[in-house]
Protein backbone atom coordinates (compact mmCIF):
# COMPACT_ATOMS: atom_id res chain seq x y z
CA MET A 1 119.21 95.89 114.93
CA GLY A 2 118.19 99.51 114.63
CA LEU A 3 116.66 101.85 117.21
CA VAL A 4 113.26 103.48 116.85
CA ALA A 5 112.31 106.40 119.10
CA LEU A 6 109.02 106.10 120.99
CA GLU A 7 107.00 108.77 122.79
CA GLY A 8 108.78 110.10 125.84
CA GLY A 9 112.22 109.48 124.35
CA ALA A 10 112.23 105.72 124.96
CA CYS A 11 113.70 103.52 122.28
CA ARG A 12 113.13 99.94 121.21
CA LEU A 13 115.14 97.61 119.01
CA VAL A 14 113.69 96.78 115.62
CA GLN A 15 115.04 94.33 113.10
CA PRO A 16 116.03 95.90 109.77
CA TYR A 17 113.65 95.05 106.97
CA LYS A 18 113.69 95.03 103.18
CA LEU A 19 110.23 96.25 102.13
CA GLY A 20 107.88 98.53 103.99
CA SER A 21 104.18 99.29 103.63
CA LEU A 22 101.82 101.70 105.36
CA ALA A 23 99.92 100.42 108.39
CA PRO A 24 96.34 101.64 108.99
CA ASP A 25 97.70 104.28 111.41
CA ASN A 26 100.01 105.64 108.62
CA ARG A 27 103.20 104.23 110.15
CA TRP A 28 105.73 102.47 107.91
CA VAL A 29 106.07 98.83 108.94
CA GLU A 30 107.75 95.75 107.55
CA HIS A 31 105.63 94.25 104.76
CA ARG A 32 105.10 90.50 105.01
CA TYR A 33 103.38 88.49 102.33
CA PRO A 34 100.83 85.79 103.25
CA ASP A 35 102.83 82.64 102.33
CA ALA A 36 101.44 82.65 98.81
CA TRP A 37 102.21 81.39 95.34
CA ASP A 38 100.56 82.20 92.03
CA LEU A 39 101.04 81.47 88.34
CA GLN A 40 101.80 84.49 86.17
CA ARG A 41 101.68 84.71 82.41
CA THR A 42 104.37 86.80 80.72
CA THR A 43 105.23 87.65 77.14
CA GLY A 44 107.72 84.76 77.41
CA PRO A 45 107.33 81.58 79.45
CA ASP A 46 104.90 81.33 82.35
CA ARG A 47 106.48 81.85 85.73
CA LEU A 48 105.65 81.01 89.30
CA VAL A 49 105.48 83.94 91.73
CA LEU A 50 106.26 83.02 95.32
CA ALA A 51 105.78 85.29 98.32
CA PRO A 52 106.75 83.57 101.56
CA ALA A 53 106.30 85.53 104.77
CA GLU A 54 109.91 84.70 105.74
CA ARG A 55 112.87 82.37 105.07
CA GLN A 56 113.07 83.20 101.37
CA ILE A 57 116.56 81.71 101.00
CA ASP A 58 115.33 78.37 102.39
CA LEU A 59 112.63 78.33 99.72
CA ILE A 60 115.08 79.25 96.95
CA LEU A 61 117.38 76.39 97.95
CA ASP A 62 114.42 73.98 97.91
CA LEU A 63 113.61 75.10 94.36
CA LEU A 64 117.24 74.76 93.22
CA ARG A 65 118.04 71.31 94.66
CA PRO A 66 116.36 69.21 91.93
CA LEU A 67 117.73 71.35 89.08
CA PRO A 68 120.81 70.18 87.16
CA ALA A 69 124.18 71.79 87.87
CA PRO A 70 126.18 73.80 87.11
CA PHE A 71 124.58 77.12 88.00
CA GLY A 72 125.18 80.72 87.07
CA VAL A 73 124.79 83.49 89.65
CA LEU A 74 123.90 87.11 88.89
CA HIS A 75 123.81 89.87 91.50
CA VAL A 76 122.05 93.10 90.54
CA LEU A 77 123.00 96.09 92.69
CA VAL A 78 120.37 98.78 92.05
CA VAL A 79 121.31 101.10 94.94
CA SER A 80 124.62 101.41 96.79
CA ARG A 81 125.05 103.11 100.14
CA CYS A 82 128.81 102.67 99.79
CA GLY A 83 129.66 104.44 96.53
CA ASN A 84 129.87 101.22 94.48
CA ALA A 85 128.74 101.22 90.87
CA THR A 86 125.18 100.03 90.38
CA ALA A 87 125.43 97.18 87.88
CA ARG A 88 124.68 93.58 87.04
CA ARG A 89 127.51 91.35 88.24
CA GLN A 90 127.79 87.79 87.02
CA GLU A 91 130.01 85.19 88.68
CA SER A 92 132.58 84.37 86.01
CA ALA A 93 132.68 80.60 86.67
CA PRO A 94 129.79 78.11 86.74
CA MET A 95 129.04 76.84 90.24
CA GLN A 96 127.95 73.60 91.85
CA LEU A 97 124.87 73.64 94.08
CA ARG A 98 126.93 73.42 97.30
CA ASP A 99 128.79 76.59 96.27
CA VAL A 100 125.58 78.42 95.40
CA ALA A 101 124.10 77.33 98.73
CA GLY A 102 127.21 78.55 100.55
CA PHE A 103 126.96 81.95 98.84
CA LEU A 104 123.22 82.31 99.57
CA ARG A 105 123.72 81.27 103.21
CA GLU A 106 126.69 83.59 103.67
CA PHE A 107 124.61 86.61 102.61
CA GLU A 108 121.19 85.28 103.68
CA GLU A 109 120.37 88.09 106.11
CA PHE A 110 121.57 90.74 103.65
CA PHE A 111 119.37 89.30 100.87
CA GLU A 112 116.31 88.90 103.10
CA ARG A 113 116.54 92.21 105.01
CA ASP A 114 117.91 94.82 102.58
CA GLY A 115 116.33 96.17 99.40
CA ARG A 116 119.34 97.37 97.45
CA HIS A 117 119.58 94.36 95.12
CA HIS A 118 118.19 91.35 93.28
CA VAL A 119 119.87 87.96 92.93
CA TRP A 120 119.38 85.43 90.11
CA VAL A 121 120.42 81.77 89.99
CA THR A 122 120.16 79.83 86.71
CA SER A 123 120.58 76.12 86.06
CA LEU A 124 122.79 76.31 82.98
CA PRO A 125 121.77 72.91 81.50
CA SER A 126 118.00 73.52 81.86
CA GLN A 127 117.94 77.34 81.82
CA SER A 128 115.54 77.18 84.79
CA THR A 129 115.97 80.44 86.69
CA ILE A 130 115.12 81.62 90.20
CA VAL A 131 114.98 85.41 90.71
CA TYR A 132 114.80 86.93 94.20
CA ASP A 133 113.93 90.60 93.82
CA ASN A 134 114.01 93.66 96.01
CA HIS A 135 110.24 93.44 96.66
CA ASN A 136 110.97 90.23 98.64
CA ILE A 137 109.30 88.12 95.95
CA VAL A 138 110.74 85.00 94.30
CA TYR A 139 110.08 84.32 90.60
CA ALA A 140 110.67 80.79 89.30
CA TYR A 141 111.02 79.93 85.60
CA GLY A 142 111.22 76.26 84.67
CA PRO A 143 109.38 73.12 85.87
CA ILE A 144 106.29 74.90 87.26
CA GLU A 145 104.54 71.82 88.68
CA GLN A 146 107.69 70.77 90.51
CA PHE A 147 108.11 74.29 91.89
CA VAL A 148 104.47 74.35 93.06
CA GLY A 149 105.06 71.09 94.92
CA HIS A 150 108.00 72.60 96.80
CA ALA A 151 106.00 75.75 97.58
CA GLU A 152 103.03 73.82 98.94
CA ALA A 153 105.33 71.55 100.98
CA ARG A 154 106.57 74.74 102.67
CA GLY A 155 103.00 75.82 103.47
CA LEU A 156 102.46 78.33 100.67
CA ALA A 157 98.94 78.43 99.19
CA GLN A 158 97.70 79.74 95.85
CA ARG A 159 96.32 83.25 96.14
CA ALA A 160 96.81 86.62 94.50
CA ILE A 161 100.10 88.34 95.30
CA GLU A 162 100.22 92.12 95.26
CA ILE A 163 103.17 94.40 95.88
CA PRO A 164 101.88 97.01 98.34
CA VAL A 165 101.09 100.51 97.13
CA PRO A 166 102.59 102.67 98.45
CA HIS A 167 105.75 100.90 99.56
CA HIS A 168 109.39 101.70 100.22
CA HIS A 169 112.67 99.81 100.00
CA CYS A 170 115.03 99.92 102.95
CA PHE A 171 118.80 100.27 102.45
CA ASN A 172 120.08 99.55 105.94
CA SER A 173 123.45 100.78 107.19
CA GLU A 174 123.83 97.50 109.12
CA TYR A 175 124.52 95.77 105.80
CA ASP A 176 127.10 98.13 104.30
CA ASP A 177 129.87 95.71 105.25
CA ALA A 178 127.91 92.89 103.62
CA GLU A 179 127.67 94.90 100.39
CA ALA A 180 131.45 95.29 100.34
CA ALA A 181 132.02 91.62 101.18
CA LEU A 182 129.61 90.44 98.51
CA LEU A 183 131.28 92.52 95.80
CA ASP A 184 134.64 91.04 96.86
CA ARG A 185 133.27 87.48 97.01
CA PHE A 186 133.79 86.54 93.34
CA ASP A 187 135.65 87.69 90.26
CA TRP A 188 132.46 89.28 88.95
CA LEU A 189 131.86 90.16 85.29
CA GLU A 190 130.17 93.56 85.30
CA PHE A 191 127.35 94.68 82.99
CA PRO A 192 125.10 97.75 82.89
CA LEU A 193 121.73 97.70 84.61
CA GLN A 194 118.74 96.86 82.40
CA PRO A 195 115.49 98.90 82.44
CA GLY A 196 113.66 96.26 84.49
CA ASP A 197 116.33 96.44 87.19
CA ASP A 198 115.20 99.85 88.45
CA PRO A 199 114.60 100.11 92.19
């Protein structure tokens, strides 16, 4: 938790957040999406865009469960508060779902409340891929109808999803230890950032 100063010098605890948008009174506040999903056409395959208000890791695990193992995991560090190299880091060994779930649960709060990174999980046999980006949006490539079923079972409804303009990403000091722990978690293979990885 962080402290925010109020008028008169009082302080209140606020939970760190990943993405901020401007409130009507011009204060920065946590941006929450309206439990939405939408279909998006790309130059490649269509993808599902999912914007839950919270519990993004729960949704990602729901999407992954029916997909065939093993899985590949990619962590994309686009900003470091700790002097680490910004890079794409791929887990060197394929993983079973239980191991992916353990990794996502271990760093769940870091993924959901800090905007310094993206995380990708790919079913290697099917090439279905789930991308959780630093705008707190989940992109799903693969069996779209199946993904929609999981989204609607979690209460998401089809509607337009817009990243707020203006917005800001939060890189919270509370998670500096988590950044270090995550980079030590696997024997990562390191690759340069790609243009689309920009914060």
